[in-house]
N, C-alpha and C. Protein backbone atom coordinates (compact mmCIF):
# COMPACT_ATOMS: atom_id res chain seq x y z
N MET A 1 -5.72 27.57 -16.31
CA MET A 1 -7.07 27.37 -15.62
C MET A 1 -7.29 26.57 -14.45
N PRO A 2 -7.44 27.08 -13.44
CA PRO A 2 -7.44 26.35 -12.54
C PRO A 2 -8.62 24.61 -12.44
N LEU A 3 -7.95 23.57 -11.97
CA LEU A 3 -8.79 22.63 -12.40
C LEU A 3 -9.12 21.81 -10.59
N LEU A 4 -10.07 21.55 -10.38
CA LEU A 4 -10.36 21.26 -8.97
C LEU A 4 -10.99 19.41 -8.92
N ILE A 5 -10.16 19.07 -8.76
CA ILE A 5 -11.03 17.22 -8.60
C ILE A 5 -11.47 16.99 -7.48
N THR A 6 -12.73 16.13 -6.98
CA THR A 6 -12.89 15.84 -5.68
C THR A 6 -14.03 14.58 -5.86
N GLY A 7 -13.97 13.73 -4.89
CA GLY A 7 -15.31 12.85 -5.00
C GLY A 7 -16.53 12.92 -4.50
N ASP A 8 -17.68 12.25 -4.77
CA ASP A 8 -18.91 12.31 -4.22
C ASP A 8 -18.84 12.91 -2.75
N GLY A 9 -18.17 11.99 -1.83
CA GLY A 9 -18.26 12.46 -0.41
C GLY A 9 -17.37 13.64 -0.22
N GLY A 10 -16.56 14.34 -1.24
CA GLY A 10 -15.80 15.45 -0.98
C GLY A 10 -16.78 16.74 -1.00
N THR A 11 -18.09 16.33 -1.72
CA THR A 11 -19.02 17.40 -1.90
C THR A 11 -20.08 17.60 -0.85
N SER A 12 -20.00 16.90 0.24
CA SER A 12 -20.39 16.75 1.41
C SER A 12 -19.44 17.79 2.67
N GLN A 13 -18.81 18.18 2.33
CA GLN A 13 -17.71 18.66 3.04
C GLN A 13 -17.96 20.17 2.77
N GLY A 14 -17.83 21.16 3.96
CA GLY A 14 -17.93 22.60 3.84
C GLY A 14 -16.74 23.41 3.24
N ASP A 15 -15.84 22.50 2.84
CA ASP A 15 -14.96 23.64 2.32
C ASP A 15 -15.51 23.20 0.39
N SER A 16 -16.02 22.37 0.08
CA SER A 16 -16.68 22.23 -0.94
C SER A 16 -17.59 23.81 -1.49
N TYR A 17 -18.40 23.69 -0.51
CA TYR A 17 -19.33 24.62 -0.69
C TYR A 17 -18.98 26.40 -0.80
N GLU A 18 -18.11 26.12 0.21
CA GLU A 18 -17.53 27.56 0.69
C GLU A 18 -16.74 27.83 -0.99
N GLY A 19 -15.73 26.54 -1.36
CA GLY A 19 -14.78 26.86 -3.00
C GLY A 19 -15.77 27.35 -3.92
N MET A 20 -17.05 26.65 -3.87
CA MET A 20 -18.18 27.06 -4.84
C MET A 20 -18.52 28.38 -4.92
N ASN A 21 -18.80 28.76 -3.71
CA ASN A 21 -19.52 29.92 -3.46
C ASN A 21 -18.85 31.07 -3.96
N PHE A 22 -17.30 31.06 -3.47
CA PHE A 22 -16.17 31.99 -3.99
C PHE A 22 -16.05 32.11 -5.17
N ALA A 23 -15.82 30.64 -5.83
CA ALA A 23 -15.65 30.75 -7.25
C ALA A 23 -16.87 31.65 -8.00
N GLY A 24 -17.82 31.10 -7.48
CA GLY A 24 -19.48 32.25 -8.22
C GLY A 24 -19.40 33.43 -8.14
N ALA A 25 -18.99 33.84 -6.32
CA ALA A 25 -19.15 35.47 -6.35
C ALA A 25 -18.08 35.93 -7.15
N TYR A 26 -16.62 35.54 -7.36
CA TYR A 26 -15.80 36.59 -8.12
C TYR A 26 -15.90 35.70 -9.62
N GLN A 27 -16.45 34.84 -10.03
CA GLN A 27 -16.69 34.26 -11.50
C GLN A 27 -15.41 33.97 -11.73
N ALA A 28 -14.85 33.34 -10.82
CA ALA A 28 -13.30 32.59 -11.00
C ALA A 28 -13.57 31.76 -12.08
N PRO A 29 -12.39 31.88 -13.18
CA PRO A 29 -12.13 30.48 -14.15
C PRO A 29 -11.80 29.43 -13.54
N VAL A 30 -12.74 28.53 -12.82
CA VAL A 30 -12.53 27.23 -12.21
C VAL A 30 -13.05 26.19 -12.74
N LEU A 31 -12.89 25.47 -13.25
CA LEU A 31 -13.37 23.54 -13.06
C LEU A 31 -13.50 23.03 -12.21
N PHE A 32 -14.71 22.61 -11.66
CA PHE A 32 -14.70 21.45 -10.26
C PHE A 32 -15.29 20.25 -11.45
N ILE A 33 -14.54 19.59 -10.88
CA ILE A 33 -14.65 18.00 -11.43
C ILE A 33 -14.96 17.18 -10.17
N VAL A 34 -16.50 16.55 -10.15
CA VAL A 34 -16.90 15.65 -9.16
C VAL A 34 -16.81 14.03 -9.74
N GLN A 35 -16.11 13.21 -9.41
CA GLN A 35 -15.94 11.73 -9.62
C GLN A 35 -17.22 10.79 -8.70
N ASN A 36 -18.41 10.97 -9.38
CA ASN A 36 -19.32 10.38 -8.56
C ASN A 36 -19.03 9.01 -8.87
N ASN A 37 -18.51 7.87 -7.64
CA ASN A 37 -18.46 6.66 -7.78
C ASN A 37 -19.46 5.88 -7.39
N GLY A 38 -19.99 6.96 -6.67
CA GLY A 38 -21.08 6.18 -5.91
C GLY A 38 -20.86 5.62 -4.20
N PHE A 39 -19.67 6.15 -3.86
CA PHE A 39 -19.66 5.63 -2.41
C PHE A 39 -18.44 6.55 -1.86
N ALA A 40 -18.59 7.08 -1.00
CA ALA A 40 -17.56 8.03 -0.35
C ALA A 40 -16.69 7.03 0.70
N ILE A 41 -15.71 6.73 0.33
CA ILE A 41 -15.22 5.68 1.08
C ILE A 41 -16.31 4.31 0.93
N SER A 42 -17.02 4.00 1.91
CA SER A 42 -18.08 2.94 2.46
C SER A 42 -19.15 3.57 2.15
N THR A 43 -19.30 5.03 2.21
CA THR A 43 -20.89 5.23 2.59
C THR A 43 -21.40 5.53 1.11
N PRO A 44 -22.35 5.33 1.02
CA PRO A 44 -23.09 5.04 -0.05
C PRO A 44 -24.05 6.47 -0.67
N ARG A 45 -23.94 7.05 -1.63
CA ARG A 45 -24.37 8.42 -1.95
C ARG A 45 -25.74 8.53 -1.15
N VAL A 46 -26.32 8.10 -1.41
CA VAL A 46 -27.83 8.30 -0.81
C VAL A 46 -27.78 8.51 0.56
N LYS A 47 -26.82 8.30 1.26
CA LYS A 47 -26.58 8.29 2.68
C LYS A 47 -25.45 9.63 3.11
N GLN A 48 -25.54 9.86 2.23
CA GLN A 48 -24.27 11.25 1.99
C GLN A 48 -25.25 12.66 1.67
N THR A 49 -26.25 12.52 0.82
CA THR A 49 -27.14 13.60 0.30
C THR A 49 -28.34 13.24 0.04
N ALA A 50 -29.29 14.53 0.11
CA ALA A 50 -30.81 14.02 -0.34
C ALA A 50 -30.89 15.08 -2.01
N ALA A 51 -29.70 15.26 -2.28
CA ALA A 51 -29.65 16.09 -3.55
C ALA A 51 -29.45 14.99 -4.86
N PRO A 52 -30.74 14.81 -5.58
CA PRO A 52 -30.70 14.12 -6.57
C PRO A 52 -29.46 13.82 -7.57
N THR A 53 -29.05 14.92 -7.60
CA THR A 53 -27.79 14.83 -8.85
C THR A 53 -26.47 15.78 -7.45
N LEU A 54 -25.29 15.46 -7.80
CA LEU A 54 -24.19 16.29 -6.98
C LEU A 54 -24.09 17.44 -8.07
N ALA A 55 -24.65 17.44 -9.51
CA ALA A 55 -24.32 19.05 -10.19
C ALA A 55 -25.22 19.80 -9.45
N GLN A 56 -26.20 19.51 -9.08
CA GLN A 56 -27.08 20.61 -9.13
C GLN A 56 -26.67 21.18 -7.31
N LYS A 57 -25.84 21.02 -7.02
CA LYS A 57 -25.03 21.46 -5.80
C LYS A 57 -24.18 22.66 -6.43
N ALA A 58 -24.20 22.81 -7.66
CA ALA A 58 -23.17 24.07 -7.83
C ALA A 58 -24.36 25.02 -8.20
N VAL A 59 -25.47 25.14 -8.64
CA VAL A 59 -26.57 25.92 -8.83
C VAL A 59 -26.91 27.18 -7.48
N ALA A 60 -26.61 26.69 -6.29
CA ALA A 60 -26.82 27.50 -5.31
C ALA A 60 -25.55 28.67 -5.59
N ALA A 61 -24.50 28.31 -6.29
CA ALA A 61 -23.17 29.17 -5.89
C ALA A 61 -23.66 29.42 -7.59
N GLY A 62 -24.27 29.73 -8.09
CA GLY A 62 -24.65 30.07 -9.59
C GLY A 62 -23.41 29.88 -10.46
N ILE A 63 -23.09 28.84 -10.35
CA ILE A 63 -22.22 27.73 -11.25
C ILE A 63 -22.69 26.80 -11.90
N PRO A 64 -23.01 27.06 -13.22
CA PRO A 64 -23.61 26.38 -14.77
C PRO A 64 -23.02 24.75 -14.20
N SER A 65 -23.75 23.74 -14.46
CA SER A 65 -23.09 22.61 -14.17
C SER A 65 -23.61 21.39 -14.86
N VAL A 66 -23.12 20.47 -14.95
CA VAL A 66 -23.53 19.30 -16.17
C VAL A 66 -23.22 17.67 -15.58
N GLN A 67 -23.97 16.85 -15.58
CA GLN A 67 -23.63 15.51 -15.56
C GLN A 67 -23.21 14.70 -16.73
N VAL A 68 -22.11 13.81 -16.78
CA VAL A 68 -22.00 13.02 -18.06
C VAL A 68 -21.70 11.70 -17.15
N ASP A 69 -21.49 10.68 -18.49
CA ASP A 69 -21.45 9.59 -18.31
C ASP A 69 -19.75 9.26 -18.24
N GLY A 70 -19.07 9.22 -17.02
CA GLY A 70 -17.64 9.48 -16.76
C GLY A 70 -16.92 8.35 -17.19
N MET A 71 -17.90 7.17 -18.05
CA MET A 71 -17.42 5.93 -18.03
C MET A 71 -17.29 5.74 -19.77
N ASP A 72 -17.37 7.24 -20.34
CA ASP A 72 -17.60 7.30 -21.64
C ASP A 72 -16.13 8.63 -21.84
N ILE A 73 -15.32 7.96 -22.30
CA ILE A 73 -14.02 9.09 -22.59
C ILE A 73 -14.63 9.87 -23.62
N LEU A 74 -15.08 9.72 -24.73
CA LEU A 74 -15.48 10.97 -25.82
C LEU A 74 -16.47 11.86 -25.14
N ALA A 75 -17.66 11.30 -24.20
CA ALA A 75 -18.59 12.38 -23.41
C ALA A 75 -17.59 13.29 -22.96
N CYS A 76 -16.70 12.40 -22.02
CA CYS A 76 -16.19 13.56 -21.17
C CYS A 76 -15.24 14.32 -21.57
N TYR A 77 -14.34 13.90 -22.85
CA TYR A 77 -13.94 15.37 -23.57
C TYR A 77 -14.76 16.12 -24.06
N ALA A 78 -15.92 15.72 -24.67
CA ALA A 78 -16.53 16.88 -25.15
C ALA A 78 -16.98 17.83 -24.15
N VAL A 79 -17.42 17.59 -23.18
CA VAL A 79 -17.93 18.15 -22.05
C VAL A 79 -17.23 18.90 -21.43
N ALA A 80 -15.49 18.47 -21.09
CA ALA A 80 -14.47 19.31 -20.32
C ALA A 80 -14.32 20.14 -21.45
N LYS A 81 -13.93 20.19 -22.85
CA LYS A 81 -13.95 21.08 -23.71
C LYS A 81 -15.01 22.33 -24.04
N ALA A 82 -16.06 21.94 -23.68
CA ALA A 82 -17.25 23.12 -23.82
C ALA A 82 -16.90 23.64 -22.39
N ALA A 83 -16.72 23.07 -21.55
CA ALA A 83 -16.68 23.94 -20.23
C ALA A 83 -15.21 24.79 -20.27
N ARG A 84 -14.45 24.51 -20.61
CA ARG A 84 -13.21 25.20 -21.01
C ARG A 84 -13.27 26.49 -21.64
N ASP A 85 -13.81 26.30 -23.19
CA ASP A 85 -14.41 27.00 -23.78
C ASP A 85 -15.10 28.41 -23.26
N TYR A 86 -16.13 28.00 -22.29
CA TYR A 86 -17.17 28.76 -21.87
C TYR A 86 -16.19 29.74 -20.69
N MET A 87 -15.19 29.04 -20.17
CA MET A 87 -14.27 29.76 -19.35
C MET A 87 -13.76 30.55 -19.59
N VAL A 88 -12.66 30.20 -20.99
CA VAL A 88 -11.94 30.98 -21.50
C VAL A 88 -12.48 32.30 -21.99
N ALA A 89 -13.81 32.13 -22.44
CA ALA A 89 -14.65 33.41 -22.75
C ALA A 89 -15.23 34.38 -21.91
N GLY A 90 -14.46 34.12 -20.63
CA GLY A 90 -15.01 34.83 -19.52
C GLY A 90 -16.04 34.88 -18.94
N ASN A 91 -16.64 33.48 -18.77
CA ASN A 91 -18.18 33.05 -18.29
C ASN A 91 -18.09 32.56 -16.96
N GLY A 92 -17.03 32.61 -15.87
CA GLY A 92 -16.72 32.31 -14.86
C GLY A 92 -16.63 30.70 -14.58
N PRO A 93 -17.17 30.01 -13.27
CA PRO A 93 -16.65 28.48 -13.34
C PRO A 93 -17.78 27.99 -14.14
N VAL A 94 -17.31 26.41 -13.59
CA VAL A 94 -18.40 25.34 -14.49
C VAL A 94 -18.03 24.58 -13.32
N MET A 95 -19.12 23.30 -13.15
CA MET A 95 -19.13 22.03 -12.60
C MET A 95 -19.03 20.95 -13.58
N ILE A 96 -18.69 19.57 -13.41
CA ILE A 96 -18.83 18.39 -14.31
C ILE A 96 -18.95 17.48 -13.40
N GLU A 97 -20.31 17.00 -13.09
CA GLU A 97 -20.23 15.81 -12.22
C GLU A 97 -20.23 14.19 -13.19
N THR A 98 -19.31 13.47 -13.03
CA THR A 98 -18.98 12.22 -13.87
C THR A 98 -19.38 11.07 -13.21
N LEU A 99 -20.54 10.39 -13.85
CA LEU A 99 -20.92 9.12 -13.25
C LEU A 99 -19.99 7.98 -13.49
N THR A 100 -19.41 7.56 -12.39
CA THR A 100 -18.17 6.25 -12.68
C THR A 100 -18.34 5.31 -11.73
N TYR A 101 -17.17 4.58 -11.11
CA TYR A 101 -17.07 3.53 -10.80
C TYR A 101 -15.78 3.25 -10.35
N ARG A 102 -15.49 3.01 -9.00
CA ARG A 102 -14.07 2.61 -8.44
C ARG A 102 -13.94 1.27 -8.49
N PHE A 103 -13.34 0.45 -9.31
CA PHE A 103 -13.20 -1.01 -8.99
C PHE A 103 -12.51 -1.50 -7.82
N GLY A 104 -11.83 -0.97 -7.42
CA GLY A 104 -10.92 -1.44 -6.56
C GLY A 104 -11.33 -1.11 -5.19
N ALA A 105 -10.50 -1.05 -4.17
CA ALA A 105 -10.44 -0.50 -3.25
C ALA A 105 -10.39 1.28 -2.69
N HIS A 106 -10.99 1.70 -1.81
CA HIS A 106 -10.66 3.39 -1.83
C HIS A 106 -9.18 3.79 -1.54
N SER A 107 -8.71 2.74 -0.75
CA SER A 107 -7.34 2.99 -0.50
C SER A 107 -6.79 1.62 0.22
N SER A 108 -5.47 1.35 0.39
CA SER A 108 -4.49 0.32 1.35
C SER A 108 -4.86 0.41 2.80
N ALA A 109 -5.56 1.16 2.97
CA ALA A 109 -5.40 1.23 4.50
C ALA A 109 -7.14 0.65 5.11
N GLY A 110 -7.06 -0.66 4.68
CA GLY A 110 -8.17 -1.72 5.39
C GLY A 110 -9.45 -1.29 4.39
N ASP A 111 -9.59 -0.81 3.81
CA ASP A 111 -11.04 -0.34 2.69
C ASP A 111 -11.00 -1.85 2.40
N ASP A 112 -11.77 -2.46 2.38
CA ASP A 112 -12.59 -3.72 1.76
C ASP A 112 -13.90 -3.40 1.12
N PRO A 113 -14.36 -3.14 -0.43
CA PRO A 113 -15.37 -2.94 -1.01
C PRO A 113 -16.04 -4.17 -0.90
N LYS A 114 -15.78 -5.40 -0.71
CA LYS A 114 -16.68 -6.55 -0.54
C LYS A 114 -17.71 -6.39 0.70
N ARG A 115 -17.43 -5.52 1.69
CA ARG A 115 -18.05 -5.29 2.83
C ARG A 115 -19.37 -4.49 2.81
N TYR A 116 -19.22 -3.58 1.43
CA TYR A 116 -20.27 -2.98 1.14
C TYR A 116 -20.90 -2.86 -0.05
N ARG A 117 -20.54 -3.93 -0.91
CA ARG A 117 -21.31 -4.09 -2.08
C ARG A 117 -20.92 -5.34 -3.13
N THR A 118 -21.94 -5.44 -3.56
CA THR A 118 -22.02 -6.92 -4.25
C THR A 118 -21.07 -7.12 -5.72
N LYS A 119 -21.10 -8.33 -5.95
CA LYS A 119 -20.43 -8.29 -7.21
C LYS A 119 -21.80 -8.30 -8.58
N GLU A 120 -22.86 -8.34 -7.88
CA GLU A 120 -24.00 -7.78 -9.11
C GLU A 120 -24.13 -6.43 -9.13
N GLN A 121 -23.69 -5.91 -7.82
CA GLN A 121 -24.11 -4.20 -8.09
C GLN A 121 -22.77 -3.98 -8.74
N GLU A 122 -21.23 -4.78 -8.89
CA GLU A 122 -20.19 -4.09 -9.94
C GLU A 122 -20.39 -4.72 -11.27
N GLN A 123 -20.69 -5.97 -11.33
CA GLN A 123 -20.74 -6.21 -12.60
C GLN A 123 -21.36 -5.33 -14.17
N PRO A 124 -22.44 -4.35 -13.86
CA PRO A 124 -22.59 -3.39 -15.10
C PRO A 124 -22.18 -2.83 -15.19
N TRP A 125 -21.19 -2.41 -14.17
CA TRP A 125 -20.09 -1.12 -14.31
C TRP A 125 -18.86 -1.99 -15.14
N PHE A 126 -18.69 -2.83 -15.14
CA PHE A 126 -17.62 -3.77 -15.84
C PHE A 126 -17.72 -3.56 -17.17
N GLU A 127 -18.95 -3.93 -17.41
CA GLU A 127 -19.33 -3.45 -18.90
C GLU A 127 -19.44 -2.70 -19.43
N LYS A 128 -19.15 -1.60 -18.75
CA LYS A 128 -19.14 -0.34 -19.27
C LYS A 128 -17.64 0.24 -18.97
N ASP A 129 -16.78 -0.53 -19.18
CA ASP A 129 -15.15 -0.29 -19.22
C ASP A 129 -14.93 1.03 -19.83
N PRO A 130 -14.42 2.20 -20.00
CA PRO A 130 -14.19 3.14 -21.00
C PRO A 130 -13.17 2.58 -22.13
N LEU A 131 -12.31 1.77 -21.58
CA LEU A 131 -11.34 1.32 -22.65
C LEU A 131 -11.94 0.53 -23.39
N ILE A 132 -12.63 -0.73 -23.00
CA ILE A 132 -13.46 -1.64 -23.91
C ILE A 132 -14.28 -0.83 -24.73
N ARG A 133 -14.89 0.29 -24.56
CA ARG A 133 -15.79 0.90 -25.11
C ARG A 133 -15.37 1.58 -26.22
N LEU A 134 -13.97 2.29 -25.86
CA LEU A 134 -13.42 3.24 -27.08
C LEU A 134 -12.87 2.26 -27.85
N ARG A 135 -12.04 1.57 -27.49
CA ARG A 135 -11.40 0.16 -28.40
C ARG A 135 -12.63 -0.13 -29.12
N LYS A 136 -13.91 -0.59 -28.88
CA LYS A 136 -15.06 -0.90 -29.80
C LYS A 136 -15.09 0.06 -30.97
N VAL A 137 -14.93 1.51 -30.37
CA VAL A 137 -15.72 2.88 -31.23
C VAL A 137 -14.36 2.90 -32.31
N LEU A 138 -13.33 2.90 -31.75
CA LEU A 138 -11.88 2.95 -32.53
C LEU A 138 -11.74 1.73 -33.50
N THR A 139 -12.34 0.71 -33.34
CA THR A 139 -12.18 -0.81 -34.42
C THR A 139 -13.20 -0.57 -34.80
N ASP A 140 -14.61 -0.33 -34.92
CA ASP A 140 -15.61 -0.04 -35.91
C ASP A 140 -15.41 1.01 -36.95
N LYS A 141 -14.49 2.23 -36.57
CA LYS A 141 -14.27 3.45 -37.58
C LYS A 141 -12.52 2.91 -38.48
N GLY A 142 -12.14 1.68 -37.99
CA GLY A 142 -11.17 1.20 -38.79
C GLY A 142 -9.83 2.02 -38.03
N LEU A 143 -9.89 2.57 -37.17
CA LEU A 143 -8.65 3.14 -36.30
C LEU A 143 -8.05 2.40 -35.80
N TRP A 144 -8.59 1.51 -35.15
CA TRP A 144 -7.30 0.70 -34.44
C TRP A 144 -7.52 -0.77 -34.52
N SER A 145 -6.86 -1.95 -34.15
CA SER A 145 -7.11 -3.18 -34.39
C SER A 145 -6.68 -4.28 -33.63
N GLU A 146 -6.64 -5.49 -33.40
CA GLU A 146 -6.22 -6.04 -32.39
C GLU A 146 -4.68 -6.40 -32.71
N GLU A 147 -4.36 -6.24 -33.77
CA GLU A 147 -2.72 -6.24 -33.80
C GLU A 147 -2.42 -5.40 -33.82
N GLU A 148 -2.82 -4.21 -33.40
CA GLU A 148 -1.93 -2.77 -32.99
C GLU A 148 -1.93 -2.52 -31.54
N GLU A 149 -3.26 -3.11 -30.93
CA GLU A 149 -3.27 -3.48 -29.50
C GLU A 149 -2.31 -4.56 -29.06
N ASP A 150 -1.74 -5.51 -29.68
CA ASP A 150 -1.11 -6.45 -28.96
C ASP A 150 0.48 -6.16 -29.32
N LYS A 151 0.36 -5.25 -30.43
CA LYS A 151 1.71 -4.33 -30.52
C LYS A 151 2.33 -3.54 -29.31
N LEU A 152 1.12 -2.59 -29.18
CA LEU A 152 1.66 -1.57 -28.06
C LEU A 152 1.55 -2.13 -26.37
N VAL A 153 0.90 -3.25 -26.18
CA VAL A 153 1.00 -3.84 -25.15
C VAL A 153 2.33 -4.85 -25.15
N ASP A 154 3.02 -5.21 -26.07
CA ASP A 154 3.98 -5.85 -25.76
C ASP A 154 5.45 -4.52 -25.85
N GLU A 155 4.98 -3.46 -26.36
CA GLU A 155 6.02 -2.04 -26.14
C GLU A 155 5.83 -1.63 -24.81
N TYR A 156 5.03 -1.65 -24.19
CA TYR A 156 4.79 -1.43 -23.07
C TYR A 156 4.89 -2.31 -21.68
N LYS A 157 4.68 -3.26 -22.31
CA LYS A 157 5.52 -4.58 -21.02
C LYS A 157 6.79 -4.62 -21.13
N ALA A 158 7.67 -4.07 -22.31
CA ALA A 158 9.03 -4.07 -22.26
C ALA A 158 9.36 -2.89 -21.63
N SER A 159 9.06 -1.60 -21.67
CA SER A 159 9.08 -0.51 -21.51
C SER A 159 9.13 -0.48 -19.51
N PHE A 160 8.05 -1.29 -19.13
CA PHE A 160 7.70 -1.51 -17.53
C PHE A 160 8.76 -2.42 -17.16
N LYS A 161 9.14 -3.30 -17.56
CA LYS A 161 10.48 -4.37 -17.26
C LYS A 161 11.73 -3.29 -17.07
N GLU A 162 11.51 -2.89 -18.13
CA GLU A 162 13.33 -1.82 -18.15
C GLU A 162 13.18 -0.55 -17.15
N ALA A 163 12.09 -0.21 -16.89
CA ALA A 163 11.57 0.67 -15.86
C ALA A 163 12.00 0.41 -14.15
N ILE A 164 11.41 -1.11 -14.43
CA ILE A 164 11.86 -1.77 -13.04
C ILE A 164 13.02 -2.33 -12.45
N LYS A 165 13.49 -2.64 -13.77
CA LYS A 165 15.18 -2.94 -13.81
C LYS A 165 15.93 -1.76 -13.24
N GLU A 166 15.87 -0.93 -13.85
CA GLU A 166 16.25 0.74 -13.54
C GLU A 166 16.58 1.07 -12.11
N ALA A 167 14.79 1.01 -11.53
CA ALA A 167 14.62 1.33 -10.14
C ALA A 167 15.08 0.51 -9.56
N ASP A 168 15.44 -0.89 -9.49
CA ASP A 168 16.13 -1.75 -8.76
C ASP A 168 17.70 -1.17 -8.89
N ASN A 169 18.35 -0.85 -9.14
CA ASN A 169 19.58 -0.53 -9.48
C ASN A 169 19.63 0.95 -8.34
N VAL A 170 18.62 1.98 -8.48
CA VAL A 170 18.63 2.76 -7.33
C VAL A 170 18.86 2.31 -6.11
N PRO A 171 19.89 2.91 -5.47
CA PRO A 171 20.03 2.94 -3.70
C PRO A 171 18.94 3.08 -3.03
N ALA A 172 18.22 2.29 -2.13
CA ALA A 172 17.05 2.65 -0.88
C ALA A 172 17.33 3.73 -0.70
N ASP A 173 16.34 4.61 -0.32
CA ASP A 173 16.63 6.32 -0.24
C ASP A 173 16.36 5.94 1.32
N LYS A 174 17.16 6.70 2.20
CA LYS A 174 17.16 6.97 3.85
C LYS A 174 16.00 7.53 4.42
N VAL A 175 15.69 7.29 5.39
CA VAL A 175 14.41 7.92 5.78
C VAL A 175 14.72 9.44 6.30
N SER A 176 15.91 9.50 6.88
CA SER A 176 16.50 10.95 7.43
C SER A 176 16.69 11.75 6.11
N ASP A 177 17.08 10.86 5.14
CA ASP A 177 16.95 11.83 3.79
C ASP A 177 15.87 12.12 3.31
N MET A 178 14.49 11.61 3.29
CA MET A 178 13.41 12.18 2.82
C MET A 178 12.81 12.67 3.75
N LEU A 179 12.66 12.72 5.28
CA LEU A 179 12.78 13.82 5.81
C LEU A 179 13.13 15.60 5.72
N LYS A 180 14.55 15.27 4.97
CA LYS A 180 15.14 16.32 5.28
C LYS A 180 14.69 17.41 3.55
N ARG A 181 13.76 16.45 2.89
CA ARG A 181 13.61 17.03 1.85
C ARG A 181 11.88 17.58 2.45
N THR A 182 11.40 17.18 3.07
CA THR A 182 9.88 17.45 3.20
C THR A 182 9.59 18.85 3.56
N PHE A 183 10.18 19.64 4.09
CA PHE A 183 10.27 21.17 3.97
C PHE A 183 11.46 21.55 4.08
N GLU A 184 11.69 23.09 3.29
CA GLU A 184 12.94 23.52 2.83
C GLU A 184 13.58 23.92 4.43
N ILE A 185 12.73 24.49 5.46
CA ILE A 185 13.46 24.33 6.58
C ILE A 185 12.71 23.54 7.61
N PRO A 186 13.01 22.76 8.04
CA PRO A 186 12.50 21.65 8.87
C PRO A 186 12.09 22.40 10.54
N THR A 187 11.08 21.35 10.86
CA THR A 187 10.56 22.08 12.08
C THR A 187 11.16 21.48 13.02
N PRO A 188 11.45 22.02 14.08
CA PRO A 188 12.32 21.61 15.30
C PRO A 188 11.95 20.24 15.72
N GLU A 189 10.55 19.65 15.46
CA GLU A 189 10.22 18.33 15.65
C GLU A 189 10.64 17.44 14.84
N MET A 190 11.00 18.02 13.25
CA MET A 190 11.71 17.13 12.74
C MET A 190 12.75 17.17 12.44
N ARG A 191 13.84 17.97 13.17
CA ARG A 191 15.03 17.99 13.13
C ARG A 191 15.46 16.83 14.25
N GLN A 192 14.64 16.77 15.21
CA GLN A 192 14.90 15.51 16.08
C GLN A 192 14.29 14.55 15.46
N GLU A 193 13.74 14.20 14.56
CA GLU A 193 13.42 12.80 13.85
C GLU A 193 14.47 12.47 12.92
N ILE A 194 14.94 13.65 12.31
CA ILE A 194 15.99 13.58 11.41
C ILE A 194 16.97 12.78 12.16
N SER A 195 17.09 13.59 13.09
CA SER A 195 18.98 13.24 14.28
C SER A 195 18.47 11.76 14.67
N LYS A 196 17.47 11.53 15.09
CA LYS A 196 17.53 9.99 15.47
C LYS A 196 16.98 9.06 14.20
N PHE A 197 16.96 9.02 13.14
CA PHE A 197 16.92 8.36 12.07
C PHE A 197 18.56 8.26 11.59
N GLU A 198 19.31 9.34 12.00
CA GLU A 198 20.64 9.20 11.26
C GLU A 198 21.30 8.40 12.38
N ALA A 199 21.31 8.53 13.46
CA ALA A 199 21.99 7.70 14.57
C ALA A 199 21.40 6.37 14.31
N LYS A 200 20.07 5.76 13.86
CA LYS A 200 19.74 4.35 13.52
C LYS A 200 20.48 4.03 12.35
N GLU A 201 20.47 4.77 11.29
CA GLU A 201 21.05 4.50 9.92
C GLU A 201 22.52 4.78 10.20
N SER A 202 23.35 5.03 11.00
CA SER A 202 24.57 4.94 11.06
C SER A 202 24.98 3.45 11.90
N LYS A 203 24.36 2.64 12.26
CA LYS A 203 24.70 1.53 13.14
C LYS A 203 24.89 0.42 12.00
């Protein structure tokens, strides 16, 4: 079952409409998931589209869609399972819009969320943290405890330290080797780049 994941900004791109139209026309069993975190990098959703929801963008393509609290793990699971069952039964594609939040920067390429959103805007989302909510549900049902969590955290920390130690012992990769693995048959330009880096690395 193909799974296509995009963000709120992605739904404003032409290829999103083309993909949905194709999937709807051919009744392809594709699950479209839209992570609506309210910002396409720094552009707020209200400046991207006049559609009240992103889920309804699928309607024009004849694709059933649903909006779900993306910060609720159990709700996301239930909706995704229902969508899968619907598609497996031969009913065609589905779109799920998850209402969520991006806590950090969009990327490390100069994006600074403090320039376009405030702490006051962020705070309610921190209170909806999916892990905190799931922990409460499991604890209330007697399926999880603080002791179990502490034990698991300690195990993961030890595992991470071991993995870091192992990675530190692996020789650094050469740029030329990385370029050689980019394509099965390097382009003429890449061959020039490989030769250039091999010459530098041999010094």
